[in-house]
Amino acid sequence: MDDGYSDRLTGATVQILNETLAVVAAETIGNSTDVRTFTFTFDDIEGSFVQISGVDANMDLSEVEVYGTSKNV
């Protein structure tokens, strides 16, 4: 069922940033029409932040969940 808004994420980029805000990994969202959940796996990537940049200025996200493990320093 098309909600009329899900396509706004098409072409958006999910980026993992390190502590200096440099991009250490990125994935692009493909066709997002009628898609409610996206899952990305970034193996062996160390980052401090997740940034989602859209191609549509009216992009709204209701929830973003990030899972990972902490490296002991």
PDB file of N, CA and C in Angstrom:
ATOM      1  N   MET A   1       0.845  -1.173   0.000  1.00  0.00           N
ATOM      2  CA  MET A   1       0.000   0.000   0.000  1.00  0.00           C
ATOM      3  C   MET A   1       0.894   1.242   0.000  1.00  0.00           C
ATOM      4  N   ASP A   2       0.735   2.070  -0.989  1.00  0.00           N
ATOM      5  CA  ASP A   2       1.537   3.286  -1.110  1.00  0.00           C
ATOM      6  C   ASP A   2       0.987   4.345  -0.175  1.00  0.00           C
ATOM      7  N   ASP A   3       1.847   4.830   0.725  1.00  0.00           N
ATOM      8  CA  ASP A   3       1.415   5.854   1.671  1.00  0.00           C
ATOM      9  C   ASP A   3       1.591   7.262   1.099  1.00  0.00           C
ATOM     10  N   GLY A   4       2.154   7.360  -0.090  1.00  0.00           N
ATOM     11  CA  GLY A   4       2.357   8.656  -0.715  1.00  0.00           C
ATOM     12  C   GLY A   4       3.630   9.356  -0.298  1.00  0.00           C
ATOM     13  N   TYR A   5       4.363   8.778   0.656  1.00  0.00           N
ATOM     14  CA  TYR A   5       5.569   9.431   1.163  1.00  0.00           C
ATOM     15  C   TYR A   5       6.804   8.546   1.168  1.00  0.00           C
ATOM     16  N   SER A   6       6.612   7.236   1.111  1.00  0.00           N
ATOM     17  CA  SER A   6       7.749   6.328   1.264  1.00  0.00           C
ATOM     18  C   SER A   6       8.811   6.528   0.186  1.00  0.00           C
ATOM     19  N   ASP A   7       8.415   7.013  -0.970  1.00  0.00           N
ATOM     20  CA  ASP A   7       9.387   7.207  -2.050  1.00  0.00           C
ATOM     21  C   ASP A   7      10.366   8.346  -1.777  1.00  0.00           C
ATOM     22  N   ARG A   8      10.135   9.134  -0.757  1.00  0.00           N
ATOM     23  CA  ARG A   8      11.028  10.263  -0.443  1.00  0.00           C
ATOM     24  C   ARG A   8      12.423   9.812  -0.014  1.00  0.00           C
ATOM     25  N   LEU A   9      12.561   8.556   0.404  1.00  0.00           N
ATOM     26  CA  LEU A   9      13.871   8.039   0.806  1.00  0.00           C
ATOM     27  C   LEU A   9      14.674   7.482  -0.365  1.00  0.00           C
ATOM     28  N   THR A  10      14.050   7.331  -1.520  1.00  0.00           N
ATOM     29  CA  THR A  10      14.765   6.821  -2.694  1.00  0.00           C
ATOM     30  C   THR A  10      15.970   7.709  -2.987  1.00  0.00           C
ATOM     31  N   GLY A  11      17.135   7.099  -3.045  1.00  0.00           N
ATOM     32  CA  GLY A  11      18.359   7.843  -3.332  1.00  0.00           C
ATOM     33  C   GLY A  11      19.032   8.467  -2.124  1.00  0.00           C
ATOM     34  N   ALA A  12      18.425   8.347  -0.944  1.00  0.00           N
ATOM     35  CA  ALA A  12      19.049   8.883   0.270  1.00  0.00           C
ATOM     36  C   ALA A  12      20.299   8.079   0.599  1.00  0.00           C
ATOM     37  N   THR A  13      21.199   8.677   1.340  1.00  0.00           N
ATOM     38  CA  THR A  13      22.458   8.032   1.699  1.00  0.00           C
ATOM     39  C   THR A  13      22.551   7.859   3.209  1.00  0.00           C
ATOM     40  N   VAL A  14      22.912   6.651   3.626  1.00  0.00           N
ATOM     41  CA  VAL A  14      23.168   6.350   5.033  1.00  0.00           C
ATOM     42  C   VAL A  14      24.682   6.343   5.191  1.00  0.00           C
ATOM     43  N   GLN A  15      25.189   7.213   6.047  1.00  0.00           N
ATOM     44  CA  GLN A  15      26.636   7.330   6.223  1.00  0.00           C
ATOM     45  C   GLN A  15      27.023   7.044   7.673  1.00  0.00           C
ATOM     46  N   ILE A  16      28.161   6.371   7.836  1.00  0.00           N
ATOM     47  CA  ILE A  16      28.767   6.177   9.149  1.00  0.00           C
ATOM     48  C   ILE A  16      29.924   7.166   9.231  1.00  0.00           C
ATOM     49  N   LEU A  17      29.933   7.964  10.298  1.00  0.00           N
ATOM     50  CA  LEU A  17      30.957   8.985  10.477  1.00  0.00           C
ATOM     51  C   LEU A  17      31.820   8.644  11.685  1.00  0.00           C
ATOM     52  N   ASN A  18      33.097   8.985  11.602  1.00  0.00           N
ATOM     53  CA  ASN A  18      33.970   8.776  12.763  1.00  0.00           C
ATOM     54  C   ASN A  18      33.903   9.991  13.682  1.00  0.00           C
ATOM     55  N   GLU A  19      34.741  10.004  14.700  1.00  0.00           N
ATOM     56  CA  GLU A  19      34.701  11.087  15.699  1.00  0.00           C
ATOM     57  C   GLU A  19      35.067  12.455  15.125  1.00  0.00           C
ATOM     58  N   THR A  20      35.741  12.496  13.977  1.00  0.00           N
ATOM     59  CA  THR A  20      36.071  13.781  13.341  1.00  0.00           C
ATOM     60  C   THR A  20      35.073  14.135  12.242  1.00  0.00           C
ATOM     61  N   LEU A  21      33.982  13.370  12.173  1.00  0.00           N
ATOM     62  CA  LEU A  21      32.893  13.550  11.215  1.00  0.00           C
ATOM     63  C   LEU A  21      33.272  13.206   9.780  1.00  0.00           C
ATOM     64  N   ALA A  22      34.358  12.441   9.614  1.00  0.00           N
ATOM     65  CA  ALA A  22      34.724  11.942   8.292  1.00  0.00           C
ATOM     66  C   ALA A  22      33.879  10.701   7.992  1.00  0.00           C
ATOM     67  N   VAL A  23      33.436  10.568   6.758  1.00  0.00           N
ATOM     68  CA  VAL A  23      32.636   9.415   6.347  1.00  0.00           C
ATOM     69  C   VAL A  23      33.556   8.200   6.227  1.00  0.00           C
ATOM     70  N   VAL A  24      33.235   7.129   6.962  1.00  0.00           N
ATOM     71  CA  VAL A  24      34.033   5.909   6.902  1.00  0.00           C
ATOM     72  C   VAL A  24      33.318   4.795   6.140  1.00  0.00           C
ATOM     73  N   ALA A  25      32.016   4.949   5.912  1.00  0.00           N
ATOM     74  CA  ALA A  25      31.247   3.989   5.127  1.00  0.00           C
ATOM     75  C   ALA A  25      29.934   4.633   4.719  1.00  0.00           C
ATOM     76  N   ALA A  26      29.390   4.186   3.590  1.00  0.00           N
ATOM     77  CA  ALA A  26      28.117   4.739   3.123  1.00  0.00           C
ATOM     78  C   ALA A  26      27.382   3.723   2.261  1.00  0.00           C
ATOM     79  N   GLU A  27      26.066   3.795   2.299  1.00  0.00           N
ATOM     80  CA  GLU A  27      25.187   2.981   1.449  1.00  0.00           C
ATOM     81  C   GLU A  27      24.084   3.898   0.943  1.00  0.00           C
ATOM     82  N   THR A  28      23.635   3.643  -0.273  1.00  0.00           N
ATOM     83  CA  THR A  28      22.540   4.417  -0.855  1.00  0.00           C
ATOM     84  C   THR A  28      21.271   3.586  -0.841  1.00  0.00           C
ATOM     85  N   ILE A  29      20.177   4.209  -0.462  1.00  0.00           N
ATOM     86  CA  ILE A  29      18.880   3.545  -0.466  1.00  0.00           C
ATOM     87  C   ILE A  29      18.367   3.533  -1.902  1.00  0.00           C
ATOM     88  N   GLY A  30      17.978   2.361  -2.374  1.00  0.00           N
ATOM     89  CA  GLY A  30      17.423   2.242  -3.723  1.00  0.00           C
ATOM     90  C   GLY A  30      15.975   2.703  -3.747  1.00  0.00           C
ATOM     91  N   ASN A  31      15.163   2.067  -4.530  1.00  0.00           N
ATOM     92  CA  ASN A  31      13.755   2.414  -4.628  1.00  0.00           C
ATOM     93  C   ASN A  31      13.072   2.134  -3.292  1.00  0.00           C
ATOM     94  N   SER A  32      12.536   3.163  -2.670  1.00  0.00           N
ATOM     95  CA  SER A  32      11.941   3.010  -1.342  1.00  0.00           C
ATOM     96  C   SER A  32      10.418   3.014  -1.362  1.00  0.00           C
ATOM     97  N   THR A  33       9.818   3.061  -2.532  1.00  0.00           N
ATOM     98  CA  THR A  33       8.367   3.086  -2.625  1.00  0.00           C
ATOM     99  C   THR A  33       7.777   1.845  -1.974  1.00  0.00           C
ATOM    100  N   ASP A  34       6.879   2.060  -1.034  1.00  0.00           N
ATOM    101  CA  ASP A  34       6.187   1.003  -0.288  1.00  0.00           C
ATOM    102  C   ASP A  34       7.100   0.198   0.632  1.00  0.00           C
ATOM    103  N   VAL A  35       8.310   0.652   0.899  1.00  0.00           N
ATOM    104  CA  VAL A  35       9.222  -0.041   1.808  1.00  0.00           C
ATOM    105  C   VAL A  35       9.142   0.632   3.171  1.00  0.00           C
ATOM    106  N   ARG A  36       8.937  -0.146   4.223  1.00  0.00           N
ATOM    107  CA  ARG A  36       8.783   0.401   5.572  1.00  0.00           C
ATOM    108  C   ARG A  36      10.039   0.248   6.414  1.00  0.00           C
ATOM    109  N   THR A  37      10.931  -0.705   6.068  1.00  0.00           N
ATOM    110  CA  THR A  37      12.114  -0.981   6.866  1.00  0.00           C
ATOM    111  C   THR A  37      13.309  -1.202   5.955  1.00  0.00           C
ATOM    112  N   PHE A  38      14.441  -0.644   6.343  1.00  0.00           N
ATOM    113  CA  PHE A  38      15.692  -0.844   5.620  1.00  0.00           C
ATOM    114  C   PHE A  38      16.719  -1.397   6.596  1.00  0.00           C
ATOM    115  N   THR A  39      17.521  -2.329   6.143  1.00  0.00           N
ATOM    116  CA  THR A  39      18.573  -2.897   6.973  1.00  0.00           C
ATOM    117  C   THR A  39      19.892  -2.805   6.217  1.00  0.00           C
ATOM    118  N   PHE A  40      20.898  -2.273   6.880  1.00  0.00           N
ATOM    119  CA  PHE A  40      22.229  -2.156   6.296  1.00  0.00           C
ATOM    120  C   PHE A  40      23.220  -2.829   7.231  1.00  0.00           C
ATOM    121  N   THR A  41      24.189  -3.515   6.672  1.00  0.00           N
ATOM    122  CA  THR A  41      25.230  -4.146   7.457  1.00  0.00           C
ATOM    123  C   THR A  41      26.566  -3.552   7.054  1.00  0.00           C
ATOM    124  N   PHE A  42      27.269  -3.002   8.011  1.00  0.00           N
ATOM    125  CA  PHE A  42      28.590  -2.436   7.790  1.00  0.00           C
ATOM    126  C   PHE A  42      29.575  -3.271   8.605  1.00  0.00           C
ATOM    127  N   ASP A  43      30.243  -4.207   7.955  1.00  0.00           N
ATOM    128  CA  ASP A  43      31.184  -5.084   8.651  1.00  0.00           C
ATOM    129  C   ASP A  43      32.512  -4.374   8.913  1.00  0.00           C
ATOM    130  N   ASP A  44      33.038  -4.577  10.117  1.00  0.00           N
ATOM    131  CA  ASP A  44      34.362  -4.063  10.495  1.00  0.00           C
ATOM    132  C   ASP A  44      34.510  -2.561  10.302  1.00  0.00           C
ATOM    133  N   ILE A  45      33.450  -1.815  10.568  1.00  0.00           N
ATOM    134  CA  ILE A  45      33.483  -0.354  10.450  1.00  0.00           C
ATOM    135  C   ILE A  45      33.393   0.234  11.850  1.00  0.00           C
ATOM    136  N   GLU A  46      34.288   1.163  12.147  1.00  0.00           N
ATOM    137  CA  GLU A  46      34.229   1.872  13.424  1.00  0.00           C
ATOM    138  C   GLU A  46      33.727   3.277  13.162  1.00  0.00           C
ATOM    139  N   GLY A  47      32.674   3.644  13.871  1.00  0.00           N
ATOM    140  CA  GLY A  47      32.112   4.970  13.693  1.00  0.00           C
ATOM    141  C   GLY A  47      31.477   5.471  14.967  1.00  0.00           C
ATOM    142  N   SER A  48      31.208   6.763  14.987  1.00  0.00           N
ATOM    143  CA  SER A  48      30.611   7.395  16.162  1.00  0.00           C
ATOM    144  C   SER A  48      29.220   7.947  15.892  1.00  0.00           C
ATOM    145  N   PHE A  49      28.910   8.186  14.615  1.00  0.00           N
ATOM    146  CA  PHE A  49      27.641   8.825  14.256  1.00  0.00           C
ATOM    147  C   PHE A  49      27.060   8.178  13.009  1.00  0.00           C
ATOM    148  N   VAL A  50      25.742   8.278  12.875  1.00  0.00           N
ATOM    149  CA  VAL A  50      25.043   7.875  11.657  1.00  0.00           C
ATOM    150  C   VAL A  50      24.354   9.106  11.106  1.00  0.00           C
ATOM    151  N   GLN A  51      24.523   9.328   9.824  1.00  0.00           N
ATOM    152  CA  GLN A  51      23.888  10.477   9.166  1.00  0.00           C
ATOM    153  C   GLN A  51      23.090   9.953   7.981  1.00  0.00           C
ATOM    154  N   ILE A  52      21.862  10.412   7.848  1.00  0.00           N
ATOM    155  CA  ILE A  52      21.033  10.033   6.713  1.00  0.00           C
ATOM    156  C   ILE A  52      20.727  11.308   5.944  1.00  0.00           C
ATOM    157  N   SER A  53      21.217  11.355   4.720  1.00  0.00           N
ATOM    158  CA  SER A  53      21.048  12.539   3.880  1.00  0.00           C
ATOM    159  C   SER A  53      20.100  12.200   2.753  1.00  0.00           C
ATOM    160  N   GLY A  54      19.047  12.971   2.641  1.00  0.00           N
ATOM    161  CA  GLY A  54      18.056  12.702   1.612  1.00  0.00           C
ATOM    162  C   GLY A  54      18.199  13.594   0.411  1.00  0.00           C
ATOM    163  N   VAL A  55      17.585  13.153  -0.658  1.00  0.00           N
ATOM    164  CA  VAL A  55      17.544  13.963  -1.864  1.00  0.00           C
ATOM    165  C   VAL A  55      16.290  14.827  -1.864  1.00  0.00           C
ATOM    166  N   ASP A  56      15.397  14.556  -0.924  1.00  0.00           N
ATOM    167  CA  ASP A  56      14.143  15.300  -0.797  1.00  0.00           C
ATOM    168  C   ASP A  56      14.208  16.118   0.489  1.00  0.00           C
ATOM    169  N   ALA A  57      14.058  17.413   0.372  1.00  0.00           N
ATOM    170  CA  ALA A  57      14.139  18.298   1.545  1.00  0.00           C
ATOM    171  C   ALA A  57      13.028  18.016   2.550  1.00  0.00           C
ATOM    172  N   ASN A  58      11.972  17.323   2.133  1.00  0.00           N
ATOM    173  CA  ASN A  58      10.841  17.049   3.017  1.00  0.00           C
ATOM    174  C   ASN A  58      10.877  15.653   3.610  1.00  0.00           C
ATOM    175  N   MET A  59      12.061  15.083   3.719  1.00  0.00           N
ATOM    176  CA  MET A  59      12.205  13.736   4.259  1.00  0.00           C
ATOM    177  C   MET A  59      12.006  13.759   5.772  1.00  0.00           C
ATOM    178  N   ASP A  60      11.151  12.874   6.263  1.00  0.00           N
ATOM    179  CA  ASP A  60      10.916  12.710   7.694  1.00  0.00           C
ATOM    180  C   ASP A  60      11.122  11.247   8.050  1.00  0.00           C
ATOM    181  N   LEU A  61      11.782  11.013   9.164  1.00  0.00           N
ATOM    182  CA  LEU A  61      11.983   9.655   9.654  1.00  0.00           C
ATOM    183  C   LEU A  61      11.307   9.535  11.003  1.00  0.00           C
ATOM    184  N   SER A  62      10.512   8.503  11.166  1.00  0.00           N
ATOM    185  CA  SER A  62       9.840   8.338  12.451  1.00  0.00           C
ATOM    186  C   SER A  62      10.715   7.606  13.462  1.00  0.00           C
ATOM    187  N   GLU A  63      11.649   6.784  12.963  1.00  0.00           N
ATOM    188  CA  GLU A  63      12.496   6.037  13.885  1.00  0.00           C
ATOM    189  C   GLU A  63      13.738   5.554  13.155  1.00  0.00           C
ATOM    190  N   VAL A  64      14.868   5.640  13.836  1.00  0.00           N
ATOM    191  CA  VAL A  64      16.124   5.094  13.328  1.00  0.00           C
ATOM    192  C   VAL A  64      16.734   4.284  14.455  1.00  0.00           C
ATOM    193  N   GLU A  65      17.037   3.021  14.196  1.00  0.00           N
ATOM    194  CA  GLU A  65      17.671   2.160  15.181  1.00  0.00           C
ATOM    195  C   GLU A  65      19.049   1.786  14.674  1.00  0.00           C
ATOM    196  N   VAL A  66      20.042   1.896  15.556  1.00  0.00           N
ATOM    197  CA  VAL A  66      21.416   1.568  15.213  1.00  0.00           C
ATOM    198  C   VAL A  66      21.925   0.567  16.236  1.00  0.00           C
ATOM    199  N   TYR A  67      22.481  -0.529  15.741  1.00  0.00           N
ATOM    200  CA  TYR A  67      23.021  -1.565  16.613  1.00  0.00           C
ATOM    201  C   TYR A  67      24.503  -1.744  16.297  1.00  0.00           C
ATOM    202  N   GLY A  68      25.264  -2.009  17.297  1.00  0.00           N
ATOM    203  CA  GLY A  68      26.679  -2.254  17.092  1.00  0.00           C
ATOM    204  C   GLY A  68      27.301  -2.763  18.376  1.00  0.00           C
ATOM    205  N   THR A  69      28.591  -2.898  18.319  1.00  0.00           N
ATOM    206  CA  THR A  69      29.322  -3.321  19.499  1.00  0.00           C
ATOM    207  C   THR A  69      30.329  -2.255  19.862  1.00  0.00           C
ATOM    208  N   SER A  70      30.657  -2.198  21.101  1.00  0.00           N
ATOM    209  CA  SER A  70      31.614  -1.216  21.596  1.00  0.00           C
ATOM    210  C   SER A  70      32.997  -1.847  21.655  1.00  0.00           C
ATOM    211  N   LYS A  71      33.969  -1.114  21.168  1.00  0.00           N
ATOM    212  CA  LYS A  71      35.340  -1.593  21.224  1.00  0.00           C
ATOM    213  C   LYS A  71      35.992  -1.022  22.474  1.00  0.00           C
ATOM    214  N   ASN A  72      36.595  -1.883  23.274  1.00  0.00           N
ATOM    215  CA  ASN A  72      37.289  -1.423  24.476  1.00  0.00           C
ATOM    216  C   ASN A  72      38.557  -0.692  24.088  1.00  0.00           C
ATOM    217  N   VAL A  73      38.750   0.464  24.692  1.00  0.00           N
ATOM    218  CA  VAL A  73      39.941   1.247  24.413  1.00  0.00           C
ATOM    219  C   VAL A  73      40.882   1.252  25.576  1.00  0.00           C
TER     220      VAL A  73
END
